[in-house]
Amino acid sequence: MVGRIYHVGLTVSNLDRSVAFYRDILGLEFQGELMMAGEETDKLFHRRNCKARIAYLNGSKNVESPPVELIQFVDNAVNKIQSDLFTTSISELCFYTDDIDLTYKHFIENNVECLSEPQHFNFTSQGFGESKAFYFKDPDGIILEMMQAL
C-alpha cells in the first residue's frame, strides 16, 4: 500500500533562516520554493485564508532519501513549543554522515546547539552494528540527529 516516504515536513517560523541552516550548515541542496494558497490549501490545513511558503531541500538524488519540506505559514500564528524527545510526536529527523566528528566540529564552529558530543553505540549483539550519533537543534529548536555507521 505505501511505497516510500515522499518527503518529511517541518513547520518553521522563518523560512529564509531555515533554508540557510539546512542548506549552508547541513549541506542539503535547495530544490525550490512554492506558495500554497486558495480553497484547496484552506481545506488541507483546516484554516481559512491559509497561505504557506514551502521549500524543498535534499541531501541525495536517491529515492530512499526523501527531501526535507520546510513550511512557513504566512499571516497565521504558529504555536512554537519547545521540542522534547520525551513527548509523543515525531521526536527527531536523522541525517547520515560519513564523518561524524568532522560534522560535529563544523556544527560547533557554526554555533549549532548540540545536545552532546558524538556518542558511540555498539548494538552488534542485537543485530544492528555499531554507530556514533548526536542530537542537535535547528534555528527553531527542532531536534535533529546526526549518525554515522561504523
C-alpha atoms as a PDB file:
ATOM      1  CA  MET A   1       0.000   0.000   0.000  1.00  0.00           C
ATOM      2  CA  VAL A   2       2.716   2.524   0.966  1.00  0.00           C
ATOM      3  CA  GLY A   3       5.613   2.649  -1.466  1.00  0.00           C
ATOM      4  CA  ARG A   4       8.060   5.023   0.223  1.00  0.00           C
ATOM      5  CA  ILE A   5       8.324   8.220   2.217  1.00  0.00           C
ATOM      6  CA  TYR A   6       7.816  11.085  -0.232  1.00  0.00           C
ATOM      7  CA  HIS A   7       9.126  13.913   1.990  1.00  0.00           C
ATOM      8  CA  VAL A   8       9.461  14.891   5.656  1.00  0.00           C
ATOM      9  CA  GLY A   9       7.774  18.196   6.539  1.00  0.00           C
ATOM     10  CA  LEU A  10       8.825  20.562   9.310  1.00  0.00           C
ATOM     11  CA  THR A  11       6.936  23.728  10.272  1.00  0.00           C
ATOM     12  CA  VAL A  12       9.357  26.615  10.774  1.00  0.00           C
ATOM     13  CA  SER A  13       8.948  30.212  11.899  1.00  0.00           C
ATOM     14  CA  ASN A  14      11.284  31.828   9.335  1.00  0.00           C
ATOM     15  CA  LEU A  15      11.679  30.037   6.015  1.00  0.00           C
ATOM     16  CA  ASP A  16      14.676  32.047   4.797  1.00  0.00           C
ATOM     17  CA  ARG A  17      16.623  31.420   8.025  1.00  0.00           C
ATOM     18  CA  SER A  18      15.725  27.713   7.985  1.00  0.00           C
ATOM     19  CA  VAL A  19      16.649  27.268   4.318  1.00  0.00           C
ATOM     20  CA  ALA A  20      20.022  28.866   5.071  1.00  0.00           C
ATOM     21  CA  PHE A  21      20.573  26.465   8.009  1.00  0.00           C
ATOM     22  CA  TYR A  22      19.581  23.296   6.149  1.00  0.00           C
ATOM     23  CA  ARG A  23      21.500  24.365   3.018  1.00  0.00           C
ATOM     24  CA  ASP A  24      24.603  26.073   4.441  1.00  0.00           C
ATOM     25  CA  ILE A  25      25.121  24.159   7.699  1.00  0.00           C
ATOM     26  CA  LEU A  26      23.732  20.704   6.862  1.00  0.00           C
ATOM     27  CA  GLY A  27      24.710  20.855   3.189  1.00  0.00           C
ATOM     28  CA  LEU A  28      21.324  19.907   1.735  1.00  0.00           C
ATOM     29  CA  GLU A  29      20.636  21.015  -1.827  1.00  0.00           C
ATOM     30  CA  PHE A  30      17.913  23.649  -2.244  1.00  0.00           C
ATOM     31  CA  GLN A  31      15.439  22.268  -4.790  1.00  0.00           C
ATOM     32  CA  GLY A  32      12.962  25.133  -4.929  1.00  0.00           C
ATOM     33  CA  GLU A  33      10.172  27.039  -3.222  1.00  0.00           C
ATOM     34  CA  LEU A  34       6.452  27.355  -3.811  1.00  0.00           C
ATOM     35  CA  MET A  35       3.494  29.250  -2.328  1.00  0.00           C
ATOM     36  CA  MET A  36       0.312  27.414  -1.395  1.00  0.00           C
ATOM     37  CA  ALA A  37      -2.943  29.398  -1.162  1.00  0.00           C
ATOM     38  CA  GLY A  38      -6.581  29.033  -2.091  1.00  0.00           C
ATOM     39  CA  GLU A  39      -9.547  26.825  -1.322  1.00  0.00           C
ATOM     40  CA  GLU A  40      -7.593  23.558  -1.553  1.00  0.00           C
ATOM     41  CA  THR A  41      -4.920  24.859   0.830  1.00  0.00           C
ATOM     42  CA  ASP A  42      -7.597  26.044   3.296  1.00  0.00           C
ATOM     43  CA  LYS A  43      -9.159  22.573   3.252  1.00  0.00           C
ATOM     44  CA  LEU A  44      -5.830  20.757   3.514  1.00  0.00           C
ATOM     45  CA  PHE A  45      -4.690  22.704   6.580  1.00  0.00           C
ATOM     46  CA  HIS A  46      -8.181  23.306   8.111  1.00  0.00           C
ATOM     47  CA  ARG A  47      -7.511  27.046   8.219  1.00  0.00           C
ATOM     48  CA  ARG A  48      -9.321  29.879   6.415  1.00  0.00           C
ATOM     49  CA  ASN A  49      -7.246  32.169   4.207  1.00  0.00           C
ATOM     50  CA  CYS A  50      -4.218  29.956   4.736  1.00  0.00           C
ATOM     51  CA  LYS A  51      -1.004  30.727   2.897  1.00  0.00           C
ATOM     52  CA  ALA A  52       2.137  28.667   3.193  1.00  0.00           C
ATOM     53  CA  ARG A  53       5.626  29.205   1.798  1.00  0.00           C
ATOM     54  CA  ILE A  54       7.217  25.823   1.229  1.00  0.00           C
ATOM     55  CA  ALA A  55      10.820  24.997   0.375  1.00  0.00           C
ATOM     56  CA  TYR A  56      12.319  21.630  -0.515  1.00  0.00           C
ATOM     57  CA  LEU A  57      15.884  20.547   0.189  1.00  0.00           C
ATOM     58  CA  ASN A  58      17.508  17.204  -0.456  1.00  0.00           C
ATOM     59  CA  GLY A  59      20.752  15.569   0.568  1.00  0.00           C
ATOM     60  CA  SER A  60      20.679  12.859  -2.071  1.00  0.00           C
ATOM     61  CA  LYS A  61      19.369  12.093  -5.538  1.00  0.00           C
ATOM     62  CA  ASN A  62      18.499   8.575  -4.312  1.00  0.00           C
ATOM     63  CA  VAL A  63      14.872   7.517  -3.945  1.00  0.00           C
ATOM     64  CA  GLU A  64      15.467   6.239  -0.407  1.00  0.00           C
ATOM     65  CA  SER A  65      16.424   9.728   0.761  1.00  0.00           C
ATOM     66  CA  PRO A  66      13.256  11.811   0.828  1.00  0.00           C
ATOM     67  CA  PRO A  67      13.546  15.601   0.726  1.00  0.00           C
ATOM     68  CA  VAL A  68      13.008  17.823   3.739  1.00  0.00           C
ATOM     69  CA  GLU A  69       9.987  20.090   3.262  1.00  0.00           C
ATOM     70  CA  LEU A  70      10.130  23.328   5.259  1.00  0.00           C
ATOM     71  CA  ILE A  71       6.766  25.043   5.771  1.00  0.00           C
ATOM     72  CA  GLN A  72       6.281  28.625   6.932  1.00  0.00           C
ATOM     73  CA  PHE A  73       2.668  29.704   7.377  1.00  0.00           C
ATOM     74  CA  VAL A  74       2.188  33.297   6.225  1.00  0.00           C
ATOM     75  CA  ASP A  75      -0.187  35.566   8.195  1.00  0.00           C
ATOM     76  CA  ASN A  76      -1.118  32.714  10.555  1.00  0.00           C
ATOM     77  CA  ALA A  77       0.081  32.256  14.099  1.00  0.00           C
ATOM     78  CA  VAL A  78       2.030  29.055  14.664  1.00  0.00           C
ATOM     79  CA  ASN A  79       2.339  27.538  18.116  1.00  0.00           C
ATOM     80  CA  LYS A  80       6.008  27.364  18.960  1.00  0.00           C
ATOM     81  CA  ILE A  81       6.670  24.843  21.676  1.00  0.00           C
ATOM     82  CA  GLN A  82       9.987  23.516  22.850  1.00  0.00           C
ATOM     83  CA  SER A  83      10.914  20.241  21.125  1.00  0.00           C
ATOM     84  CA  ASP A  84      11.174  17.368  23.558  1.00  0.00           C
ATOM     85  CA  LEU A  85      12.379  13.841  22.856  1.00  0.00           C
ATOM     86  CA  PHE A  86      10.137  12.592  25.677  1.00  0.00           C
ATOM     87  CA  THR A  87       6.819  13.873  24.253  1.00  0.00           C
ATOM     88  CA  THR A  88       4.683  11.795  21.892  1.00  0.00           C
ATOM     89  CA  SER A  89       5.333  13.259  18.450  1.00  0.00           C
ATOM     90  CA  ILE A  90       7.880  12.868  15.709  1.00  0.00           C
ATOM     91  CA  SER A  91      10.844  13.021  18.044  1.00  0.00           C
ATOM     92  CA  GLU A  92      13.624  13.731  15.555  1.00  0.00           C
ATOM     93  CA  LEU A  93      14.780  13.607  11.965  1.00  0.00           C
ATOM     94  CA  CYS A  94      18.035  11.709  11.487  1.00  0.00           C
ATOM     95  CA  PHE A  95      20.692  12.593   8.912  1.00  0.00           C
ATOM     96  CA  TYR A  96      23.612  10.380   7.888  1.00  0.00           C
ATOM     97  CA  THR A  97      27.244  11.451   7.593  1.00  0.00           C
ATOM     98  CA  ASP A  98      30.446   9.673   6.621  1.00  0.00           C
ATOM     99  CA  ASP A  99      32.487  11.632   9.210  1.00  0.00           C
ATOM    100  CA  ILE A 100      30.535  12.450  12.355  1.00  0.00           C
ATOM    101  CA  ASP A 101      33.473  14.001  14.202  1.00  0.00           C
ATOM    102  CA  LEU A 102      34.142  16.459  11.366  1.00  0.00           C
ATOM    103  CA  THR A 103      30.405  17.217  11.121  1.00  0.00           C
ATOM    104  CA  TYR A 104      30.217  17.855  14.873  1.00  0.00           C
ATOM    105  CA  LYS A 105      33.237  20.184  14.696  1.00  0.00           C
ATOM    106  CA  HIS A 106      31.604  22.061  11.776  1.00  0.00           C
ATOM    107  CA  PHE A 107      28.401  22.476  13.806  1.00  0.00           C
ATOM    108  CA  ILE A 108      30.249  23.763  16.885  1.00  0.00           C
ATOM    109  CA  GLU A 109      32.214  26.229  14.743  1.00  0.00           C
ATOM    110  CA  ASN A 110      28.879  27.487  13.348  1.00  0.00           C
ATOM    111  CA  ASN A 111      27.235  27.807  16.787  1.00  0.00           C
ATOM    112  CA  VAL A 112      24.754  24.969  16.246  1.00  0.00           C
ATOM    113  CA  GLU A 113      23.299  23.834  19.575  1.00  0.00           C
ATOM    114  CA  CYS A 114      24.383  20.218  20.080  1.00  0.00           C
ATOM    115  CA  LEU A 115      22.920  18.167  22.936  1.00  0.00           C
ATOM    116  CA  SER A 116      26.114  16.110  23.336  1.00  0.00           C
ATOM    117  CA  GLU A 117      29.327  15.198  21.603  1.00  0.00           C
ATOM    118  CA  PRO A 118      29.134  12.177  19.253  1.00  0.00           C
ATOM    119  CA  GLN A 119      28.406   9.055  21.289  1.00  0.00           C
ATOM    120  CA  HIS A 120      29.497   5.511  20.378  1.00  0.00           C
ATOM    121  CA  PHE A 121      26.863   2.740  20.375  1.00  0.00           C
ATOM    122  CA  ASN A 122      27.535  -0.974  19.962  1.00  0.00           C
ATOM    123  CA  PHE A 123      24.388  -2.932  19.134  1.00  0.00           C
ATOM    124  CA  THR A 124      26.127  -5.803  17.314  1.00  0.00           C
ATOM    125  CA  SER A 125      24.771  -8.332  19.841  1.00  0.00           C
ATOM    126  CA  GLN A 126      21.257  -7.215  18.830  1.00  0.00           C
ATOM    127  CA  GLY A 127      21.951  -7.323  15.097  1.00  0.00           C
ATOM    128  CA  PHE A 128      22.262  -3.569  14.449  1.00  0.00           C
ATOM    129  CA  GLY A 129      26.026  -2.984  14.366  1.00  0.00           C
ATOM    130  CA  GLU A 130      27.998  -0.034  15.674  1.00  0.00           C
ATOM    131  CA  SER A 131      27.385   3.661  15.188  1.00  0.00           C
ATOM    132  CA  LYS A 132      28.126   7.117  16.511  1.00  0.00           C
ATOM    133  CA  ALA A 133      25.378   9.700  16.935  1.00  0.00           C
ATOM    134  CA  PHE A 134      24.464  13.032  18.485  1.00  0.00           C
ATOM    135  CA  TYR A 135      21.407  15.253  18.642  1.00  0.00           C
ATOM    136  CA  PHE A 136      21.341  18.935  17.666  1.00  0.00           C
ATOM    137  CA  LYS A 137      18.778  21.679  17.092  1.00  0.00           C
ATOM    138  CA  ASP A 138      17.812  23.751  14.075  1.00  0.00           C
ATOM    139  CA  PRO A 139      17.118  27.525  14.392  1.00  0.00           C
ATOM    140  CA  ASP A 140      13.557  26.839  15.648  1.00  0.00           C
ATOM    141  CA  GLY A 141      14.774  24.343  18.253  1.00  0.00           C
ATOM    142  CA  ILE A 142      13.579  21.316  16.273  1.00  0.00           C
ATOM    143  CA  ILE A 143      15.593  18.311  17.432  1.00  0.00           C
ATOM    144  CA  LEU A 144      17.617  16.590  14.707  1.00  0.00           C
ATOM    145  CA  GLU A 145      20.050  13.668  14.842  1.00  0.00           C
ATOM    146  CA  MET A 146      23.319  13.007  13.053  1.00  0.00           C
ATOM    147  CA  MET A 147      24.539   9.411  12.695  1.00  0.00           C
ATOM    148  CA  GLN A 148      27.468   7.507  11.246  1.00  0.00           C
ATOM    149  CA  ALA A 149      27.553   3.725  10.897  1.00  0.00           C
ATOM    150  CA  LEU A 150      30.908   2.257  11.928  1.00  0.00           C
END
